[in-house]
PDB file of N, CA and C in Angstrom:
ATOM      1  N   UNK A   1      19.383   3.927  37.359  1.00  0.00           N
ATOM      2  CA  UNK A   1      18.883   4.802  38.331  1.00  0.00           C
ATOM      3  C   UNK A   1      19.093   6.065  38.018  1.00  0.00           C
ATOM      4  N   UNK A   2      18.676   7.019  38.963  1.00  0.00           N
ATOM      5  CA  UNK A   2      18.738   9.041  38.934  1.00  0.00           C
ATOM      6  C   UNK A   2      19.584   8.763  39.527  1.00  0.00           C
ATOM      7  N   UNK A   3      20.368   9.725  38.911  1.00  0.00           N
ATOM      8  CA  UNK A   3      21.663  10.248  39.470  1.00  0.00           C
ATOM      9  C   UNK A   3      21.394  11.776  40.534  1.00  0.00           C
ATOM     10  N   UNK A   4      22.272  11.731  41.480  1.00  0.00           N
ATOM     11  CA  UNK A   4      21.678  12.118  42.928  1.00  0.00           C
ATOM     12  C   UNK A   4      22.597  13.674  42.536  1.00  0.00           C
ATOM     13  N   UNK A   5      21.439  14.999  42.714  1.00  0.00           N
ATOM     14  CA  UNK A   5      22.162  15.945  42.200  1.00  0.00           C
ATOM     15  C   UNK A   5      21.368  16.735  42.778  1.00  0.00           C
ATOM     16  N   UNK A   6      22.059  18.140  43.339  1.00  0.00           N
ATOM     17  CA  UNK A   6      21.103  19.950  43.765  1.00  0.00           C
ATOM     18  C   UNK A   6      21.722  20.597  43.282  1.00  0.00           C
ATOM     19  N   UNK A   7      20.962  21.930  43.382  1.00  0.00           N
ATOM     20  CA  UNK A   7      21.742  23.085  43.077  1.00  0.00           C
ATOM     21  C   UNK A   7      21.345  24.068  44.020  1.00  0.00           C
ATOM     22  N   UNK A   8      22.270  25.094  44.436  1.00  0.00           N
ATOM     23  CA  UNK A   8      22.101  25.490  45.731  1.00  0.00           C
ATOM     24  C   UNK A   8      22.652  27.219  45.626  1.00  0.00           C
ATOM     25  N   UNK A   9      22.105  27.756  45.770  1.00  0.00           N
ATOM     26  CA  UNK A   9      22.040  29.212  45.417  1.00  0.00           C
ATOM     27  C   UNK A   9      22.818  30.317  46.682  1.00  0.00           C
ATOM     28  N   UNK A  10      23.642  30.571  46.932  1.00  0.00           N
ATOM     29  CA  UNK A  10      23.713  31.707  47.839  1.00  0.00           C
ATOM     30  C   UNK A  10      22.988  32.243  49.021  1.00  0.00           C
ATOM     31  N   UNK A  11      21.771  32.244  47.950  1.00  0.00           N
ATOM     32  CA  UNK A  11      20.495  33.209  49.191  1.00  0.00           C
ATOM     33  C   UNK A  11      20.023  31.874  50.129  1.00  0.00           C
ATOM     34  N   UNK A  12      19.801  30.954  49.802  1.00  0.00           N
ATOM     35  CA  UNK A  12      19.910  29.706  50.269  1.00  0.00           C
ATOM     36  C   UNK A  12      18.611  28.712  49.651  1.00  0.00           C
ATOM     37  N   UNK A  13      17.783  29.015  48.240  1.00  0.00           N
ATOM     38  CA  UNK A  13      16.966  28.402  46.997  1.00  0.00           C
ATOM     39  C   UNK A  13      18.206  27.495  47.067  1.00  0.00           C
ATOM     40  N   UNK A  14      17.513  25.957  47.431  1.00  0.00           N
ATOM     41  CA  UNK A  14      17.785  25.009  46.578  1.00  0.00           C
ATOM     42  C   UNK A  14      16.700  23.889  46.280  1.00  0.00           C
ATOM     43  N   UNK A  15      17.436  23.252  45.290  1.00  0.00           N
ATOM     44  CA  UNK A  15      16.811  21.876  44.862  1.00  0.00           C
ATOM     45  C   UNK A  15      17.431  21.029  44.720  1.00  0.00           C
ATOM     46  N   UNK A  16      16.820  19.578  44.604  1.00  0.00           N
ATOM     47  CA  UNK A  16      17.558  18.623  44.483  1.00  0.00           C
ATOM     48  C   UNK A  16      16.678  17.867  43.118  1.00  0.00           C
ATOM     49  N   UNK A  17      17.098  17.107  42.742  1.00  0.00           N
ATOM     50  CA  UNK A  17      16.695  16.348  40.988  1.00  0.00           C
ATOM     51  C   UNK A  17      16.857  17.728  39.707  1.00  0.00           C
ATOM     52  N   UNK A  18      18.196  18.061  39.930  1.00  0.00           N
ATOM     53  CA  UNK A  18      18.544  18.948  38.158  1.00  0.00           C
ATOM     54  C   UNK A  18      18.028  18.480  37.630  1.00  0.00           C
ATOM     55  N   UNK A  19      18.365  19.302  36.035  1.00  0.00           N
ATOM     56  CA  UNK A  19      18.268  19.161  35.195  1.00  0.00           C
ATOM     57  C   UNK A  19      19.280  20.113  35.105  1.00  0.00           C
ATOM     58  N   UNK A  20      19.633  20.330  33.374  1.00  0.00           N
ATOM     59  CA  UNK A  20      19.924  21.522  32.554  1.00  0.00           C
ATOM     60  C   UNK A  20      19.250  22.383  32.509  1.00  0.00           C
ATOM     61  N   UNK A  21      17.800  22.432  32.330  1.00  0.00           N
ATOM     62  CA  UNK A  21      17.110  23.131  32.779  1.00  0.00           C
ATOM     63  C   UNK A  21      17.133  24.520  33.690  1.00  0.00           C
ATOM     64  N   UNK A  22      17.271  23.748  35.293  1.00  0.00           N
ATOM     65  CA  UNK A  22      17.457  23.978  36.263  1.00  0.00           C
ATOM     66  C   UNK A  22      18.454  25.165  35.673  1.00  0.00           C
ATOM     67  N   UNK A  23      19.378  24.780  35.667  1.00  0.00           N
ATOM     68  CA  UNK A  23      21.369  25.763  35.624  1.00  0.00           C
ATOM     69  C   UNK A  23      20.890  26.355  34.174  1.00  0.00           C
ATOM     70  N   UNK A  24      20.297  26.334  33.351  1.00  0.00           N
ATOM     71  CA  UNK A  24      19.311  27.868  32.853  1.00  0.00           C
ATOM     72  C   UNK A  24      18.971  28.806  33.165  1.00  0.00           C
ATOM     73  N   UNK A  25      18.073  28.321  34.281  1.00  0.00           N
ATOM     74  CA  UNK A  25      17.306  29.225  35.032  1.00  0.00           C
ATOM     75  C   UNK A  25      18.336  30.095  35.460  1.00  0.00           C
ATOM     76  N   UNK A  26      19.054  28.999  36.828  1.00  0.00           N
ATOM     77  CA  UNK A  26      19.872  29.615  37.656  1.00  0.00           C
ATOM     78  C   UNK A  26      20.729  30.416  36.984  1.00  0.00           C
ATOM     79  N   UNK A  27      21.449  30.344  35.832  1.00  0.00           N
ATOM     80  CA  UNK A  27      22.375  31.158  35.515  1.00  0.00           C
ATOM     81  C   UNK A  27      21.670  32.745  35.088  1.00  0.00           C
ATOM     82  N   UNK A  28      20.462  31.981  33.928  1.00  0.00           N
ATOM     83  CA  UNK A  28      19.469  33.990  33.665  1.00  0.00           C
ATOM     84  C   UNK A  28      19.564  34.492  35.476  1.00  0.00           C
ATOM     85  N   UNK A  29      19.194  33.880  36.459  1.00  0.00           N
ATOM     86  CA  UNK A  29      19.106  34.424  37.786  1.00  0.00           C
ATOM     87  C   UNK A  29      19.966  34.937  38.821  1.00  0.00           C
ATOM     88  N   UNK A  30      21.765  34.320  37.834  1.00  0.00           N
ATOM     89  CA  UNK A  30      22.581  35.540  38.352  1.00  0.00           C
ATOM     90  C   UNK A  30      23.081  36.352  37.979  1.00  0.00           C
ATOM     91  N   UNK A  31      22.649  37.225  36.441  1.00  0.00           N
ATOM     92  CA  UNK A  31      22.356  37.664  36.108  1.00  0.00           C
ATOM     93  C   UNK A  31      21.751  39.202  37.438  1.00  0.00           C
ATOM     94  N   UNK A  32      20.719  39.088  38.024  1.00  0.00           N
ATOM     95  CA  UNK A  32      20.101  39.503  38.739  1.00  0.00           C
ATOM     96  C   UNK A  32      20.406  39.807  40.211  1.00  0.00           C
ATOM     97  N   UNK A  33      21.172  38.459  40.752  1.00  0.00           N
ATOM     98  CA  UNK A  33      21.911  38.750  42.342  1.00  0.00           C
ATOM     99  C   UNK A  33      22.097  39.765  42.993  1.00  0.00           C
ATOM    100  N   UNK A  34      21.985  40.123  43.713  1.00  0.00           N
ATOM    101  CA  UNK A  34      23.111  41.206  44.372  1.00  0.00           C
ATOM    102  C   UNK A  34      24.283  40.665  44.717  1.00  0.00           C
ATOM    103  N   UNK A  35      25.766  41.269  44.706  1.00  0.00           N
ATOM    104  CA  UNK A  35      26.517  41.405  45.009  1.00  0.00           C
ATOM    105  C   UNK A  35      27.318  40.384  45.868  1.00  0.00           C
ATOM    106  N   UNK A  36      25.967  40.405  46.883  1.00  0.00           N
ATOM    107  CA  UNK A  36      26.715  39.375  47.885  1.00  0.00           C
ATOM    108  C   UNK A  36      26.586  37.872  47.936  1.00  0.00           C
ATOM    109  N   UNK A  37      24.991  37.809  47.269  1.00  0.00           N
ATOM    110  CA  UNK A  37      24.170  36.325  46.629  1.00  0.00           C
ATOM    111  C   UNK A  37      24.391  35.876  46.041  1.00  0.00           C
ATOM    112  N   UNK A  38      25.136  36.736  45.349  1.00  0.00           N
ATOM    113  CA  UNK A  38      25.280  36.622  43.476  1.00  0.00           C
ATOM    114  C   UNK A  38      26.649  35.061  43.234  1.00  0.00           C
ATOM    115  N   UNK A  39      26.085  34.377  43.680  1.00  0.00           N
ATOM    116  CA  UNK A  39      26.234  32.837  43.375  1.00  0.00           C
ATOM    117  C   UNK A  39      25.651  31.528  42.898  1.00  0.00           C
ATOM    118  N   UNK A  40      25.722  30.427  42.982  1.00  0.00           N
ATOM    119  CA  UNK A  40      25.188  29.001  42.945  1.00  0.00           C
ATOM    120  C   UNK A  40      26.139  28.189  42.882  1.00  0.00           C
ATOM    121  N   UNK A  41      25.908  27.046  43.411  1.00  0.00           N
ATOM    122  CA  UNK A  41      26.936  25.794  43.058  1.00  0.00           C
ATOM    123  C   UNK A  41      25.548  24.748  42.647  1.00  0.00           C
ATOM    124  N   UNK A  42      26.455  23.241  41.631  1.00  0.00           N
ATOM    125  CA  UNK A  42      25.923  22.262  41.575  1.00  0.00           C
ATOM    126  C   UNK A  42      26.720  20.442  41.974  1.00  0.00           C
ATOM    127  N   UNK A  43      25.693  20.144  42.810  1.00  0.00           N
ATOM    128  CA  UNK A  43      26.734  19.488  43.294  1.00  0.00           C
ATOM    129  C   UNK A  43      25.975  17.891  42.423  1.00  0.00           C
ATOM    130  N   UNK A  44      26.787  16.732  42.117  1.00  0.00           N
ATOM    131  CA  UNK A  44      26.558  15.899  41.783  1.00  0.00           C
ATOM    132  C   UNK A  44      27.092  14.232  42.732  1.00  0.00           C
ATOM    133  N   UNK A  45      26.745  13.864  42.982  1.00  0.00           N
ATOM    134  CA  UNK A  45      27.552  12.800  43.762  1.00  0.00           C
ATOM    135  C   UNK A  45      27.171  11.384  42.260  1.00  0.00           C
ATOM    136  N   UNK A  46      28.645  11.394  42.304  1.00  0.00           N
ATOM    137  CA  UNK A  46      29.601   9.883  41.945  1.00  0.00           C
ATOM    138  C   UNK A  46      29.286   8.878  43.621  1.00  0.00           C
ATOM    139  N   UNK A  47      30.771   9.082  43.772  1.00  0.00           N
ATOM    140  CA  UNK A  47      31.250   8.487  45.054  1.00  0.00           C
ATOM    141  C   UNK A  47      30.848   9.208  45.926  1.00  0.00           C
ATOM    142  N   UNK A  48      31.454  10.246  45.722  1.00  0.00           N
ATOM    143  CA  UNK A  48      31.553  11.551  46.861  1.00  0.00           C
ATOM    144  C   UNK A  48      30.931  12.335  45.834  1.00  0.00           C
ATOM    145  N   UNK A  49      30.698  14.006  46.805  1.00  0.00           N
ATOM    146  CA  UNK A  49      30.472  15.010  46.305  1.00  0.00           C
ATOM    147  C   UNK A  49      31.002  15.781  44.683  1.00  0.00           C
ATOM    148  N   UNK A  50      30.844  16.402  43.733  1.00  0.00           N
ATOM    149  CA  UNK A  50      32.119  16.576  42.577  1.00  0.00           C
ATOM    150  C   UNK A  50      30.623  18.487  42.863  1.00  0.00           C
ATOM    151  N   UNK A  51      31.352  18.995  43.572  1.00  0.00           N
ATOM    152  CA  UNK A  51      31.096  20.312  42.949  1.00  0.00           C
ATOM    153  C   UNK A  51      31.334  21.383  41.789  1.00  0.00           C
ATOM    154  N   UNK A  52      30.394  22.258  41.875  1.00  0.00           N
ATOM    155  CA  UNK A  52      30.676  23.526  40.314  1.00  0.00           C
ATOM    156  C   UNK A  52      30.203  24.838  41.161  1.00  0.00           C
ATOM    157  N   UNK A  53      31.080  25.752  41.755  1.00  0.00           N
ATOM    158  CA  UNK A  53      30.341  27.399  41.557  1.00  0.00           C
ATOM    159  C   UNK A  53      30.975  27.925  40.972  1.00  0.00           C
ATOM    160  N   UNK A  54      29.391  28.648  40.609  1.00  0.00           N
ATOM    161  CA  UNK A  54      29.843  30.320  40.072  1.00  0.00           C
ATOM    162  C   UNK A  54      29.238  31.309  40.426  1.00  0.00           C
ATOM    163  N   UNK A  55      30.129  31.879  40.532  1.00  0.00           N
ATOM    164  CA  UNK A  55      29.513  33.307  41.029  1.00  0.00           C
ATOM    165  C   UNK A  55      29.962  34.350  39.771  1.00  0.00           C
ATOM    166  N   UNK A  56      29.127  35.692  40.312  1.00  0.00           N
ATOM    167  CA  UNK A  56      28.484  36.040  38.985  1.00  0.00           C
ATOM    168  C   UNK A  56      28.905  37.450  38.690  1.00  0.00           C
ATOM    169  N   UNK A  57      30.900  37.716  38.922  1.00  0.00           N
ATOM    170  CA  UNK A  57      31.649  37.652  38.121  1.00  0.00           C
ATOM    171  C   UNK A  57      32.482  36.814  37.446  1.00  0.00           C
ATOM    172  N   UNK A  58      31.702  35.776  37.506  1.00  0.00           N
ATOM    173  CA  UNK A  58      31.900  34.369  36.504  1.00  0.00           C
ATOM    174  C   UNK A  58      33.303  33.803  36.845  1.00  0.00           C
ATOM    175  N   UNK A  59      33.323  34.196  37.613  1.00  0.00           N
ATOM    176  CA  UNK A  59      34.733  32.641  38.280  1.00  0.00           C
ATOM    177  C   UNK A  59      33.900  31.664  38.703  1.00  0.00           C
ATOM    178  N   UNK A  60      34.739  30.452  38.867  1.00  0.00           N
ATOM    179  CA  UNK A  60      34.229  29.785  38.614  1.00  0.00           C
ATOM    180  C   UNK A  60      35.331  28.372  39.310  1.00  0.00           C
ATOM    181  N   UNK A  61      34.276  28.092  40.970  1.00  0.00           N
ATOM    182  CA  UNK A  61      35.304  26.494  41.940  1.00  0.00           C
ATOM    183  C   UNK A  61      34.854  25.204  41.092  1.00  0.00           C
ATOM    184  N   UNK A  62      35.520  24.986  40.958  1.00  0.00           N
ATOM    185  CA  UNK A  62      35.577  22.835  40.937  1.00  0.00           C
ATOM    186  C   UNK A  62      36.375  22.320  42.101  1.00  0.00           C
ATOM    187  N   UNK A  63      35.346  21.433  42.543  1.00  0.00           N
ATOM    188  CA  UNK A  63      36.004  20.305  44.047  1.00  0.00           C
ATOM    189  C   UNK A  63      35.177  19.247  43.352  1.00  0.00           C
ATOM    190  N   UNK A  64      36.436  18.261  43.118  1.00  0.00           N
ATOM    191  CA  UNK A  64      36.044  16.951  43.067  1.00  0.00           C
ATOM    192  C   UNK A  64      36.510  15.518  43.646  1.00  0.00           C
ATOM    193  N   UNK A  65      35.229  14.852  43.652  1.00  0.00           N
ATOM    194  CA  UNK A  65      35.764  13.477  44.661  1.00  0.00           C
ATOM    195  C   UNK A  65      36.947  12.783  44.542  1.00  0.00           C
ATOM    196  N   UNK A  66      37.550  13.065  43.561  1.00  0.00           N
ATOM    197  CA  UNK A  66      38.501  11.827  43.625  1.00  0.00           C
ATOM    198  C   UNK A  66      40.067  12.700  44.600  1.00  0.00           C
ATOM    199  N   UNK A  67      39.846  14.227  44.559  1.00  0.00           N
ATOM    200  CA  UNK A  67      41.335  14.918  45.421  1.00  0.00           C
ATOM    201  C   UNK A  67      40.393  15.969  46.084  1.00  0.00           C
ATOM    202  N   UNK A  68      39.099  15.778  47.278  1.00  0.00           N
ATOM    203  CA  UNK A  68      38.392  16.945  47.162  1.00  0.00           C
ATOM    204  C   UNK A  68      39.659  18.752  47.971  1.00  0.00           C
ATOM    205  N   UNK A  69      40.366  17.789  48.172  1.00  0.00           N
ATOM    206  CA  UNK A  69      41.748  18.981  49.030  1.00  0.00           C
ATOM    207  C   UNK A  69      42.223  20.058  47.971  1.00  0.00           C
ATOM    208  N   UNK A  70      41.892  20.126  46.470  1.00  0.00           N
ATOM    209  CA  UNK A  70      42.011  20.480  45.218  1.00  0.00           C
ATOM    210  C   UNK A  70      40.411  20.996  44.759  1.00  0.00           C
ATOM    211  N   UNK A  71      41.171  22.327  44.712  1.00  0.00           N
ATOM    212  CA  UNK A  71      40.170  23.413  43.814  1.00  0.00           C
ATOM    213  C   UNK A  71      40.751  23.844  42.952  1.00  0.00           C
ATOM    214  N   UNK A  72      39.986  24.158  41.953  1.00  0.00           N
ATOM    215  CA  UNK A  72      40.059  23.912  40.874  1.00  0.00           C
ATOM    216  C   UNK A  72      39.249  25.265  39.974  1.00  0.00           C
ATOM    217  N   UNK A  73      39.941  26.606  39.547  1.00  0.00           N
ATOM    218  CA  UNK A  73      39.641  27.981  39.857  1.00  0.00           C
ATOM    219  C   UNK A  73      39.598  28.140  38.755  1.00  0.00           C
ATOM    220  N   UNK A  74      38.734  29.129  37.861  1.00  0.00           N
ATOM    221  CA  UNK A  74      39.299  30.059  35.973  1.00  0.00           C
ATOM    222  C   UNK A  74      38.508  31.520  36.439  1.00  0.00           C
ATOM    223  N   UNK A  75      38.183  32.244  35.495  1.00  0.00           N
ATOM    224  CA  UNK A  75      37.716  33.055  35.594  1.00  0.00           C
ATOM    225  C   UNK A  75      37.009  32.651  33.978  1.00  0.00           C
ATOM    226  N   UNK A  76      35.872  32.630  33.734  1.00  0.00           N
ATOM    227  CA  UNK A  76      35.355  32.653  32.642  1.00  0.00           C
ATOM    228  C   UNK A  76      35.094  34.223  31.735  1.00  0.00           C
ATOM    229  N   UNK A  77      34.791  34.806  30.475  1.00  0.00           N
ATOM    230  CA  UNK A  77      34.444  35.116  29.553  1.00  0.00           C
ATOM    231  C   UNK A  77      32.615  35.220  29.418  1.00  0.00           C
ATOM    232  N   UNK A  78      31.700  34.592  29.075  1.00  0.00           N
ATOM    233  CA  UNK A  78      30.738  34.246  28.857  1.00  0.00           C
ATOM    234  C   UNK A  78      29.923  33.188  29.586  1.00  0.00           C
ATOM    235  N   UNK A  79      28.448  33.691  29.782  1.00  0.00           N
ATOM    236  CA  UNK A  79      27.615  32.255  30.658  1.00  0.00           C
ATOM    237  C   UNK A  79      28.081  31.062  29.702  1.00  0.00           C
ATOM    238  N   UNK A  80      27.481  30.897  28.159  1.00  0.00           N
ATOM    239  CA  UNK A  80      27.995  29.676  27.887  1.00  0.00           C
ATOM    240  C   UNK A  80      28.821  29.090  27.859  1.00  0.00           C
ATOM    241  N   UNK A  81      30.128  29.299  28.101  1.00  0.00           N
ATOM    242  CA  UNK A  81      30.745  28.716  28.388  1.00  0.00           C
ATOM    243  C   UNK A  81      30.709  27.490  29.439  1.00  0.00           C
ATOM    244  N   UNK A  82      30.030  28.570  30.933  1.00  0.00           N
ATOM    245  CA  UNK A  82      30.349  28.194  32.337  1.00  0.00           C
ATOM    246  C   UNK A  82      28.551  27.021  31.986  1.00  0.00           C
ATOM    247  N   UNK A  83      27.819  26.995  31.195  1.00  0.00           N
ATOM    248  CA  UNK A  83      26.462  26.080  31.362  1.00  0.00           C
ATOM    249  C   UNK A  83      27.283  25.149  30.211  1.00  0.00           C
ATOM    250  N   UNK A  84      28.145  25.295  29.757  1.00  0.00           N
ATOM    251  CA  UNK A  84      28.784  24.161  29.119  1.00  0.00           C
ATOM    252  C   UNK A  84      29.633  22.955  30.395  1.00  0.00           C
ATOM    253  N   UNK A  85      30.284  24.169  30.613  1.00  0.00           N
ATOM    254  CA  UNK A  85      31.199  23.217  32.394  1.00  0.00           C
ATOM    255  C   UNK A  85      29.548  22.197  32.943  1.00  0.00           C
ATOM    256  N   UNK A  86      28.990  22.879  32.941  1.00  0.00           N
ATOM    257  CA  UNK A  86      27.589  22.962  34.616  1.00  0.00           C
ATOM    258  C   UNK A  86      26.896  20.451  33.039  1.00  0.00           C
ATOM    259  N   UNK A  87      26.903  21.472  32.057  1.00  0.00           N
ATOM    260  CA  UNK A  87      26.444  19.808  31.087  1.00  0.00           C
ATOM    261  C   UNK A  87      28.147  18.894  30.909  1.00  0.00           C
ATOM    262  N   UNK A  88      28.868  19.126  31.187  1.00  0.00           N
ATOM    263  CA  UNK A  88      29.306  18.423  31.666  1.00  0.00           C
ATOM    264  C   UNK A  88      29.793  17.666  32.888  1.00  0.00           C
ATOM    265  N   UNK A  89      29.072  18.404  34.379  1.00  0.00           N
ATOM    266  CA  UNK A  89      29.061  17.647  35.716  1.00  0.00           C
ATOM    267  C   UNK A  89      27.610  17.121  35.552  1.00  0.00           C
ATOM    268  N   UNK A  90      26.586  17.268  34.355  1.00  0.00           N
ATOM    269  CA  UNK A  90      25.284  16.490  35.196  1.00  0.00           C
ATOM    270  C   UNK A  90      25.577  15.250  34.310  1.00  0.00           C
ATOM    271  N   UNK A  91      26.876  15.325  33.323  1.00  0.00           N
ATOM    272  CA  UNK A  91      26.860  13.560  32.642  1.00  0.00           C
ATOM    273  C   UNK A  91      27.705  13.059  32.881  1.00  0.00           C
ATOM    274  N   UNK A  92      28.534  13.576  34.093  1.00  0.00           N
ATOM    275  CA  UNK A  92      29.636  12.981  34.931  1.00  0.00           C
ATOM    276  C   UNK A  92      31.339  13.530  34.150  1.00  0.00           C
ATOM    277  N   UNK A  93      31.345  14.581  33.322  1.00  0.00           N
ATOM    278  CA  UNK A  93      32.336  14.122  32.400  1.00  0.00           C
ATOM    279  C   UNK A  93      33.489  14.506  33.051  1.00  0.00           C
ATOM    280  N   UNK A  94      34.053  14.580  34.467  1.00  0.00           N
ATOM    281  CA  UNK A  94      34.956  15.207  35.345  1.00  0.00           C
ATOM    282  C   UNK A  94      36.242  15.244  34.397  1.00  0.00           C
ATOM    283  N   UNK A  95      36.848  14.822  34.133  1.00  0.00           N
ATOM    284  CA  UNK A  95      38.435  14.159  33.684  1.00  0.00           C
ATOM    285  C   UNK A  95      38.257  15.890  32.430  1.00  0.00           C
ATOM    286  N   UNK A  96      36.770  15.695  31.709  1.00  0.00           N
ATOM    287  CA  UNK A  96      37.345  16.727  30.412  1.00  0.00           C
ATOM    288  C   UNK A  96      37.306  18.277  30.802  1.00  0.00           C
ATOM    289  N   UNK A  97      36.006  18.078  32.150  1.00  0.00           N
ATOM    290  CA  UNK A  97      35.563  19.483  33.246  1.00  0.00           C
ATOM    291  C   UNK A  97      36.874  19.869  34.269  1.00  0.00           C
ATOM    292  N   UNK A  98      37.785  19.399  34.135  1.00  0.00           N
ATOM    293  CA  UNK A  98      38.911  19.423  34.981  1.00  0.00           C
ATOM    294  C   UNK A  98      39.829  19.784  33.567  1.00  0.00           C
ATOM    295  N   UNK A  99      39.870  19.460  32.993  1.00  0.00           N
ATOM    296  CA  UNK A  99      41.037  20.376  31.595  1.00  0.00           C
ATOM    297  C   UNK A  99      40.304  21.348  31.782  1.00  0.00           C
ATOM    298  N   UNK A 100      38.862  22.099  31.080  1.00  0.00           N
ATOM    299  CA  UNK A 100      38.464  23.143  31.138  1.00  0.00           C
ATOM    300  C   UNK A 100      39.101  24.027  32.360  1.00  0.00           C
ATOM    301  N   UNK A 101      38.805  23.177  33.189  1.00  0.00           N
ATOM    302  CA  UNK A 101      39.513  24.047  34.520  1.00  0.00           C
ATOM    303  C   UNK A 101      40.244  24.533  34.402  1.00  0.00           C
ATOM    304  N   UNK A 102      41.637  23.975  33.987  1.00  0.00           N
ATOM    305  CA  UNK A 102      42.775  23.893  33.943  1.00  0.00           C
ATOM    306  C   UNK A 102      43.346  24.900  33.017  1.00  0.00           C
ATOM    307  N   UNK A 103      42.511  24.997  31.497  1.00  0.00           N
ATOM    308  CA  UNK A 103      43.362  25.725  29.921  1.00  0.00           C
ATOM    309  C   UNK A 103      43.121  26.954  30.678  1.00  0.00           C
ATOM    310  N   UNK A 104      44.764  27.582  30.297  1.00  0.00           N
ATOM    311  CA  UNK A 104      45.270  28.745  30.659  1.00  0.00           C
ATOM    312  C   UNK A 104      44.283  29.793  29.468  1.00  0.00           C
TER     313      UNK A 104
END
């Protein structure tokens, strides 16, 4: 069974059935986006949506299907860390992803 997922840029671009190459392209695009449109998010649907958004300033927000009222937020320093977060999301390692977003 193929996983249901999509990527959405804040400027309106979207694509369904994505993989890590799509995310790596989006991370490269993030560097050249203007401040107003400098963000994208990825949703992976397990039972409900699990969303991870990154902004041009490398702040990350995660919202997960077990409690959509909680937003996990953390500032990161480099794109490699963020690429790792998206890999966890695509592999549905939600518990590990939450720990990375909670770590000080």
